[in-house]
Amino acid sequence: MKSYIVFGCGRFGEAVAKTLYELGYDVLAVDGDLQKIQDITPYVTDAIQCDILDESALDELGVSNFDVAVIAIGANLEASIISTIYAKEQGVKKVVAKATSGLQGTVLEKLGVDMVIYPEREMGTRLAHILASNSIIDYAYFSNDYGIIEIVIPEKWIGKTLSEIDFRNKYKATVIAIKRNGKFIITPVSDEKFLEGDNLVIMGNEKDLVVIESL
């Protein structure tokens, strides 16, 4: 079972730590604010108050024993950098860090972070896509300008198959699932016929998804 250490128990870090624990993983939450530690203690494996700027205090955490470190510190750049460097030096297999700006993200990438997350940017992108389309139900953005959308099937696709639509060539995107009657058909075959009431989960480049959203 993977073990996680989460530095920073603000709204983002708290949500990550609680969810990982609910999924059955061992989670250590770390923050300098005693109140935040007291609030999160019932929802994680362990929670420790620690001055992240104090290396001797970090030494007491046993960071090297964890598989993944989540640096959920956005506002305090110094604490974000120090905890990132420390996790890398301790040999943590995967380090994921939150960034609140492009500059902070660049710094974290240069420090060797495996994944940089921009929660505010990604939520803004998601909301904009949902607001701009009458058919889109949900939108998830991930790196390299790619995303996943869930849309109500356009009327002109009802009764047709993926091959008849020539989906991949025409729209340069991939239908990764069909949601039908509350259940998912994963990686549908090319002769799967779309039905009225279907929702489609589609992955592709952001600019290609915009074309699909406008149908």
C-alpha atoms as a PDB file:
ATOM      1  CA  MET A   1       0.000   0.000   0.000  1.00  0.00           C
ATOM      2  CA  LYS A   2       1.335   3.436  -0.925  1.00  0.00           C
ATOM      3  CA  SER A   3       2.012   5.944   1.809  1.00  0.00           C
ATOM      4  CA  TYR A   4       1.670   9.705   1.417  1.00  0.00           C
ATOM      5  CA  ILE A   5       3.003  12.724   3.266  1.00  0.00           C
ATOM      6  CA  VAL A   6       1.130  15.970   2.657  1.00  0.00           C
ATOM      7  CA  PHE A   7       2.857  19.256   3.479  1.00  0.00           C
ATOM      8  CA  GLY A   8       0.326  22.024   4.039  1.00  0.00           C
ATOM      9  CA  CYS A   9      -3.223  21.573   5.315  1.00  0.00           C
ATOM     10  CA  GLY A  10      -5.002  24.455   3.641  1.00  0.00           C
ATOM     11  CA  ARG A  11      -8.133  23.720   1.608  1.00  0.00           C
ATOM     12  CA  PHE A  12      -6.185  21.986  -1.172  1.00  0.00           C
ATOM     13  CA  GLY A  13      -3.892  19.959   1.073  1.00  0.00           C
ATOM     14  CA  GLU A  14      -6.730  19.039   3.401  1.00  0.00           C
ATOM     15  CA  ALA A  15      -8.837  17.759   0.502  1.00  0.00           C
ATOM     16  CA  VAL A  16      -5.941  15.700  -0.884  1.00  0.00           C
ATOM     17  CA  ALA A  17      -5.061  14.197   2.502  1.00  0.00           C
ATOM     18  CA  LYS A  18      -8.645  13.347   3.462  1.00  0.00           C
ATOM     19  CA  THR A  19      -9.448  11.788   0.096  1.00  0.00           C
ATOM     20  CA  LEU A  20      -6.309   9.642   0.051  1.00  0.00           C
ATOM     21  CA  TYR A  21      -7.126   8.409   3.559  1.00  0.00           C
ATOM     22  CA  GLU A  22     -10.725   7.640   2.548  1.00  0.00           C
ATOM     23  CA  LEU A  23      -9.309   5.591  -0.332  1.00  0.00           C
ATOM     24  CA  GLY A  24      -7.481   3.435   2.182  1.00  0.00           C
ATOM     25  CA  TYR A  25      -3.941   4.849   2.068  1.00  0.00           C
ATOM     26  CA  ASP A  26      -1.635   5.793   4.928  1.00  0.00           C
ATOM     27  CA  VAL A  27      -1.459   9.583   5.112  1.00  0.00           C
ATOM     28  CA  LEU A  28       0.670  11.864   7.266  1.00  0.00           C
ATOM     29  CA  ALA A  29      -0.492  15.493   7.244  1.00  0.00           C
ATOM     30  CA  VAL A  30       2.041  18.183   8.174  1.00  0.00           C
ATOM     31  CA  ASP A  31       1.442  21.873   8.878  1.00  0.00           C
ATOM     32  CA  GLY A  32       2.839  24.594  11.092  1.00  0.00           C
ATOM     33  CA  ASP A  33      -0.641  25.679  12.217  1.00  0.00           C
ATOM     34  CA  LEU A  34      -1.760  23.719  15.294  1.00  0.00           C
ATOM     35  CA  GLN A  35      -5.443  24.421  14.652  1.00  0.00           C
ATOM     36  CA  LYS A  36      -5.230  22.926  11.157  1.00  0.00           C
ATOM     37  CA  ILE A  37      -3.499  19.850  12.572  1.00  0.00           C
ATOM     38  CA  GLN A  38      -6.211  19.436  15.209  1.00  0.00           C
ATOM     39  CA  ASP A  39      -8.927  19.807  12.569  1.00  0.00           C
ATOM     40  CA  ILE A  40      -7.487  17.193  10.206  1.00  0.00           C
ATOM     41  CA  THR A  41      -6.312  14.635  12.794  1.00  0.00           C
ATOM     42  CA  PRO A  42      -9.536  12.537  12.768  1.00  0.00           C
ATOM     43  CA  TYR A  43      -9.400  12.206   8.977  1.00  0.00           C
ATOM     44  CA  VAL A  44      -5.834  10.959   8.353  1.00  0.00           C
ATOM     45  CA  THR A  45      -3.500   8.267   9.665  1.00  0.00           C
ATOM     46  CA  ASP A  46      -1.427  10.829  11.555  1.00  0.00           C
ATOM     47  CA  ALA A  47      -1.022  14.596  11.680  1.00  0.00           C
ATOM     48  CA  ILE A  48       1.992  16.497  12.988  1.00  0.00           C
ATOM     49  CA  GLN A  49       2.588  20.171  13.668  1.00  0.00           C
ATOM     50  CA  CYS A  50       5.966  21.064  12.190  1.00  0.00           C
ATOM     51  CA  ASP A  51       7.841  24.198  11.197  1.00  0.00           C
ATOM     52  CA  ILE A  52       8.605  23.301   7.583  1.00  0.00           C
ATOM     53  CA  LEU A  53      11.425  25.864   7.532  1.00  0.00           C
ATOM     54  CA  ASP A  54      13.220  23.969  10.320  1.00  0.00           C
ATOM     55  CA  GLU A  55      15.265  21.108   8.830  1.00  0.00           C
ATOM     56  CA  SER A  56      15.821  19.463  12.203  1.00  0.00           C
ATOM     57  CA  ALA A  57      12.040  19.323  12.667  1.00  0.00           C
ATOM     58  CA  LEU A  58      11.662  17.799   9.198  1.00  0.00           C
ATOM     59  CA  ASP A  59      14.191  15.121  10.165  1.00  0.00           C
ATOM     60  CA  GLU A  60      11.746  13.872  12.803  1.00  0.00           C
ATOM     61  CA  LEU A  61       9.046  13.119  10.198  1.00  0.00           C
ATOM     62  CA  GLY A  62      10.719  10.142   8.538  1.00  0.00           C
ATOM     63  CA  VAL A  63      10.047  11.570   5.082  1.00  0.00           C
ATOM     64  CA  SER A  64      12.165   8.913   3.364  1.00  0.00           C
ATOM     65  CA  ASN A  65       9.646   6.258   4.433  1.00  0.00           C
ATOM     66  CA  PHE A  66       6.901   7.675   2.202  1.00  0.00           C
ATOM     67  CA  ASP A  67       6.210   6.750  -1.410  1.00  0.00           C
ATOM     68  CA  VAL A  68       4.721  10.104  -2.411  1.00  0.00           C
ATOM     69  CA  ALA A  69       5.140  13.641  -1.081  1.00  0.00           C
ATOM     70  CA  VAL A  70       2.458  16.214  -1.838  1.00  0.00           C
ATOM     71  CA  ILE A  71       3.669  19.796  -1.425  1.00  0.00           C
ATOM     72  CA  ALA A  72       0.348  21.572  -0.938  1.00  0.00           C
ATOM     73  CA  ILE A  73       1.892  24.934  -0.061  1.00  0.00           C
ATOM     74  CA  GLY A  74       1.118  27.738  -2.472  1.00  0.00           C
ATOM     75  CA  ALA A  75       1.431  31.126  -0.790  1.00  0.00           C
ATOM     76  CA  ASN A  76       4.705  30.565   1.083  1.00  0.00           C
ATOM     77  CA  LEU A  77       7.237  30.100  -1.709  1.00  0.00           C
ATOM     78  CA  GLU A  78      10.145  29.515   0.692  1.00  0.00           C
ATOM     79  CA  ALA A  79       8.313  26.717   2.512  1.00  0.00           C
ATOM     80  CA  SER A  80       7.250  25.211  -0.808  1.00  0.00           C
ATOM     81  CA  ILE A  81      10.830  25.150  -2.102  1.00  0.00           C
ATOM     82  CA  ILE A  82      12.374  23.866   1.140  1.00  0.00           C
ATOM     83  CA  SER A  83       9.881  21.013   1.544  1.00  0.00           C
ATOM     84  CA  THR A  84      10.323  20.086  -2.123  1.00  0.00           C
ATOM     85  CA  ILE A  85      14.126  20.004  -1.899  1.00  0.00           C
ATOM     86  CA  TYR A  86      13.954  18.057   1.353  1.00  0.00           C
ATOM     87  CA  ALA A  87      11.584  15.429  -0.089  1.00  0.00           C
ATOM     88  CA  LYS A  88      13.816  14.983  -3.146  1.00  0.00           C
ATOM     89  CA  GLU A  89      16.957  14.693  -1.000  1.00  0.00           C
ATOM     90  CA  GLN A  90      15.247  12.057   1.149  1.00  0.00           C
ATOM     91  CA  GLY A  91      14.628   9.925  -1.930  1.00  0.00           C
ATOM     92  CA  VAL A  92      10.833  10.088  -2.021  1.00  0.00           C
ATOM     93  CA  LYS A  93       9.804   8.245  -5.187  1.00  0.00           C
ATOM     94  CA  LYS A  94       7.290  10.828  -6.394  1.00  0.00           C
ATOM     95  CA  VAL A  95       6.920  14.496  -5.490  1.00  0.00           C
ATOM     96  CA  VAL A  96       3.802  16.427  -6.481  1.00  0.00           C
ATOM     97  CA  ALA A  97       3.605  20.159  -5.779  1.00  0.00           C
ATOM     98  CA  LYS A  98       0.991  22.884  -5.904  1.00  0.00           C
ATOM     99  CA  ALA A  99       1.841  26.161  -7.650  1.00  0.00           C
ATOM    100  CA  THR A 100      -0.081  29.425  -7.599  1.00  0.00           C
ATOM    101  CA  SER A 101       1.853  31.062 -10.444  1.00  0.00           C
ATOM    102  CA  GLY A 102       3.743  30.147 -13.568  1.00  0.00           C
ATOM    103  CA  LEU A 103       7.002  31.336 -11.990  1.00  0.00           C
ATOM    104  CA  GLN A 104       6.525  29.126  -8.944  1.00  0.00           C
ATOM    105  CA  GLY A 105       5.691  26.206 -11.227  1.00  0.00           C
ATOM    106  CA  THR A 106       8.863  26.764 -13.247  1.00  0.00           C
ATOM    107  CA  VAL A 107      10.975  26.827 -10.088  1.00  0.00           C
ATOM    108  CA  LEU A 108       9.372  23.611  -8.842  1.00  0.00           C
ATOM    109  CA  GLU A 109       9.943  21.884 -12.179  1.00  0.00           C
ATOM    110  CA  LYS A 110      13.625  22.871 -12.095  1.00  0.00           C
ATOM    111  CA  LEU A 111      13.835  21.339  -8.628  1.00  0.00           C
ATOM    112  CA  GLY A 112      12.760  18.019 -10.109  1.00  0.00           C
ATOM    113  CA  VAL A 113       9.102  17.866  -9.080  1.00  0.00           C
ATOM    114  CA  ASP A 114       7.354  15.027 -10.899  1.00  0.00           C
ATOM    115  CA  MET A 115       4.037  16.848 -11.265  1.00  0.00           C
ATOM    116  CA  VAL A 116       3.073  20.505 -10.780  1.00  0.00           C
ATOM    117  CA  ILE A 117      -0.592  21.235 -10.054  1.00  0.00           C
ATOM    118  CA  TYR A 118      -2.279  24.609 -10.642  1.00  0.00           C
ATOM    119  CA  PRO A 119      -5.623  24.213  -8.806  1.00  0.00           C
ATOM    120  CA  GLU A 120      -6.947  27.730  -9.392  1.00  0.00           C
ATOM    121  CA  ARG A 121      -5.938  27.783 -13.063  1.00  0.00           C
ATOM    122  CA  GLU A 122      -7.420  24.355 -13.726  1.00  0.00           C
ATOM    123  CA  MET A 123     -10.687  25.190 -11.971  1.00  0.00           C
ATOM    124  CA  GLY A 124     -10.953  28.407 -13.977  1.00  0.00           C
ATOM    125  CA  THR A 125     -10.387  26.539 -17.234  1.00  0.00           C
ATOM    126  CA  ARG A 126     -12.983  23.939 -16.272  1.00  0.00           C
ATOM    127  CA  LEU A 127     -15.600  26.543 -15.376  1.00  0.00           C
ATOM    128  CA  ALA A 128     -15.019  28.519 -18.581  1.00  0.00           C
ATOM    129  CA  HIS A 129     -15.589  25.424 -20.725  1.00  0.00           C
ATOM    130  CA  ILE A 130     -18.767  24.510 -18.845  1.00  0.00           C
ATOM    131  CA  LEU A 131     -20.157  28.050 -19.134  1.00  0.00           C
ATOM    132  CA  ALA A 132     -19.275  28.413 -22.814  1.00  0.00           C
ATOM    133  CA  SER A 133     -21.102  25.295 -24.021  1.00  0.00           C
ATOM    134  CA  ASN A 134     -24.717  24.165 -23.881  1.00  0.00           C
ATOM    135  CA  SER A 135     -23.764  20.495 -24.186  1.00  0.00           C
ATOM    136  CA  ILE A 136     -20.755  20.117 -21.893  1.00  0.00           C
ATOM    137  CA  ILE A 137     -21.377  18.486 -18.504  1.00  0.00           C
ATOM    138  CA  ASP A 138     -17.857  18.431 -17.102  1.00  0.00           C
ATOM    139  CA  TYR A 139     -14.305  19.276 -18.109  1.00  0.00           C
ATOM    140  CA  ALA A 140     -10.945  18.166 -16.721  1.00  0.00           C
ATOM    141  CA  TYR A 141      -7.667  19.752 -17.820  1.00  0.00           C
ATOM    142  CA  PHE A 142      -4.294  18.078 -17.602  1.00  0.00           C
ATOM    143  CA  SER A 143      -0.779  18.882 -18.808  1.00  0.00           C
ATOM    144  CA  ASN A 144       0.343  19.693 -22.346  1.00  0.00           C
ATOM    145  CA  ASP A 145      -2.938  21.421 -23.288  1.00  0.00           C
ATOM    146  CA  TYR A 146      -4.948  18.204 -23.192  1.00  0.00           C
ATOM    147  CA  GLY A 147      -8.271  17.682 -21.478  1.00  0.00           C
ATOM    148  CA  ILE A 148     -11.232  15.375 -21.008  1.00  0.00           C
ATOM    149  CA  ILE A 149     -14.845  16.458 -21.469  1.00  0.00           C
ATOM    150  CA  GLU A 150     -18.172  14.803 -20.806  1.00  0.00           C
ATOM    151  CA  ILE A 151     -20.870  16.016 -23.192  1.00  0.00           C
ATOM    152  CA  VAL A 152     -24.476  15.265 -24.055  1.00  0.00           C
ATOM    153  CA  ILE A 153     -24.400  13.502 -27.411  1.00  0.00           C
ATOM    154  CA  PRO A 154     -25.073  15.919 -30.294  1.00  0.00           C
ATOM    155  CA  GLU A 155     -28.327  15.116 -32.085  1.00  0.00           C
ATOM    156  CA  LYS A 156     -26.591  14.539 -35.419  1.00  0.00           C
ATOM    157  CA  TRP A 157     -24.534  11.661 -33.943  1.00  0.00           C
ATOM    158  CA  ILE A 158     -27.523   9.695 -32.601  1.00  0.00           C
ATOM    159  CA  GLY A 159     -27.890   6.360 -34.391  1.00  0.00           C
ATOM    160  CA  LYS A 160     -24.390   6.508 -35.872  1.00  0.00           C
ATOM    161  CA  THR A 161     -21.235   4.577 -34.998  1.00  0.00           C
ATOM    162  CA  LEU A 162     -17.745   5.886 -34.333  1.00  0.00           C
ATOM    163  CA  SER A 163     -16.577   4.562 -37.692  1.00  0.00           C
ATOM    164  CA  GLU A 164     -19.488   6.186 -39.535  1.00  0.00           C
ATOM    165  CA  ILE A 165     -18.667   9.521 -37.949  1.00  0.00           C
ATOM    166  CA  ASP A 166     -14.949   8.917 -38.660  1.00  0.00           C
ATOM    167  CA  PHE A 167     -14.451  10.461 -35.242  1.00  0.00           C
ATOM    168  CA  ARG A 168     -10.707  10.308 -34.757  1.00  0.00           C
ATOM    169  CA  ASN A 169      -9.845  11.615 -38.220  1.00  0.00           C
ATOM    170  CA  LYS A 170     -12.546  14.275 -38.323  1.00  0.00           C
ATOM    171  CA  TYR A 171     -12.281  15.604 -34.768  1.00  0.00           C
ATOM    172  CA  LYS A 172      -8.717  14.532 -33.803  1.00  0.00           C
ATOM    173  CA  ALA A 173      -9.975  13.299 -30.431  1.00  0.00           C
ATOM    174  CA  THR A 174     -10.812   9.977 -28.798  1.00  0.00           C
ATOM    175  CA  VAL A 175     -14.069   8.758 -27.271  1.00  0.00           C
ATOM    176  CA  ILE A 176     -12.802   6.940 -24.183  1.00  0.00           C
ATOM    177  CA  ALA A 177     -16.216   6.046 -22.755  1.00  0.00           C
ATOM    178  CA  ILE A 178     -19.962   6.190 -23.331  1.00  0.00           C
ATOM    179  CA  LYS A 179     -22.181   6.824 -20.316  1.00  0.00           C
ATOM    180  CA  ARG A 180     -25.479   5.035 -20.929  1.00  0.00           C
ATOM    181  CA  ASN A 181     -28.236   4.614 -18.346  1.00  0.00           C
ATOM    182  CA  GLY A 182     -25.830   5.468 -15.552  1.00  0.00           C
ATOM    183  CA  LYS A 183     -23.214   2.895 -16.600  1.00  0.00           C
ATOM    184  CA  PHE A 184     -19.986   3.343 -18.575  1.00  0.00           C
ATOM    185  CA  ILE A 185     -18.971   1.553 -21.759  1.00  0.00           C
ATOM    186  CA  ILE A 186     -15.185   1.884 -21.622  1.00  0.00           C
ATOM    187  CA  THR A 187     -13.183   2.272 -24.874  1.00  0.00           C
ATOM    188  CA  PRO A 188     -16.188   1.607 -27.142  1.00  0.00           C
ATOM    189  CA  VAL A 189     -15.551  -0.368 -30.326  1.00  0.00           C
ATOM    190  CA  SER A 190     -15.791   1.353 -33.700  1.00  0.00           C
ATOM    191  CA  ASP A 191     -19.184  -0.204 -34.532  1.00  0.00           C
ATOM    192  CA  GLU A 192     -20.807   0.844 -31.223  1.00  0.00           C
ATOM    193  CA  LYS A 193     -23.934   2.811 -32.125  1.00  0.00           C
ATOM    194  CA  PHE A 194     -24.659   6.020 -30.235  1.00  0.00           C
ATOM    195  CA  LEU A 195     -28.119   6.206 -28.667  1.00  0.00           C
ATOM    196  CA  GLU A 196     -30.315   9.085 -27.589  1.00  0.00           C
ATOM    197  CA  GLY A 197     -29.535   9.949 -23.974  1.00  0.00           C
ATOM    198  CA  ASP A 198     -25.880   8.919 -24.214  1.00  0.00           C
ATOM    199  CA  ASN A 199     -23.164  11.065 -22.696  1.00  0.00           C
ATOM    200  CA  LEU A 200     -19.717  10.860 -24.266  1.00  0.00           C
ATOM    201  CA  VAL A 201     -16.397  11.128 -22.432  1.00  0.00           C
ATOM    202  CA  ILE A 202     -13.858  12.481 -24.908  1.00  0.00           C
ATOM    203  CA  MET A 203     -10.116  13.107 -24.606  1.00  0.00           C
ATOM    204  CA  GLY A 204      -8.141  15.394 -26.871  1.00  0.00           C
ATOM    205  CA  ASN A 205      -6.200  18.587 -27.413  1.00  0.00           C
ATOM    206  CA  GLU A 206      -7.939  21.605 -25.910  1.00  0.00           C
ATOM    207  CA  LYS A 207      -8.387  23.346 -29.271  1.00  0.00           C
ATOM    208  CA  ASP A 208      -9.992  20.223 -30.773  1.00  0.00           C
ATOM    209  CA  LEU A 209     -12.302  19.828 -27.788  1.00  0.00           C
ATOM    210  CA  VAL A 210     -13.526  23.391 -28.299  1.00  0.00           C
ATOM    211  CA  VAL A 211     -14.709  22.383 -31.792  1.00  0.00           C
ATOM    212  CA  ILE A 212     -16.630  19.421 -30.360  1.00  0.00           C
ATOM    213  CA  GLU A 213     -18.168  21.554 -27.609  1.00  0.00           C
ATOM    214  CA  SER A 214     -19.625  23.888 -30.231  1.00  0.00           C
ATOM    215  CA  LEU A 215     -21.556  21.135 -32.056  1.00  0.00           C
END
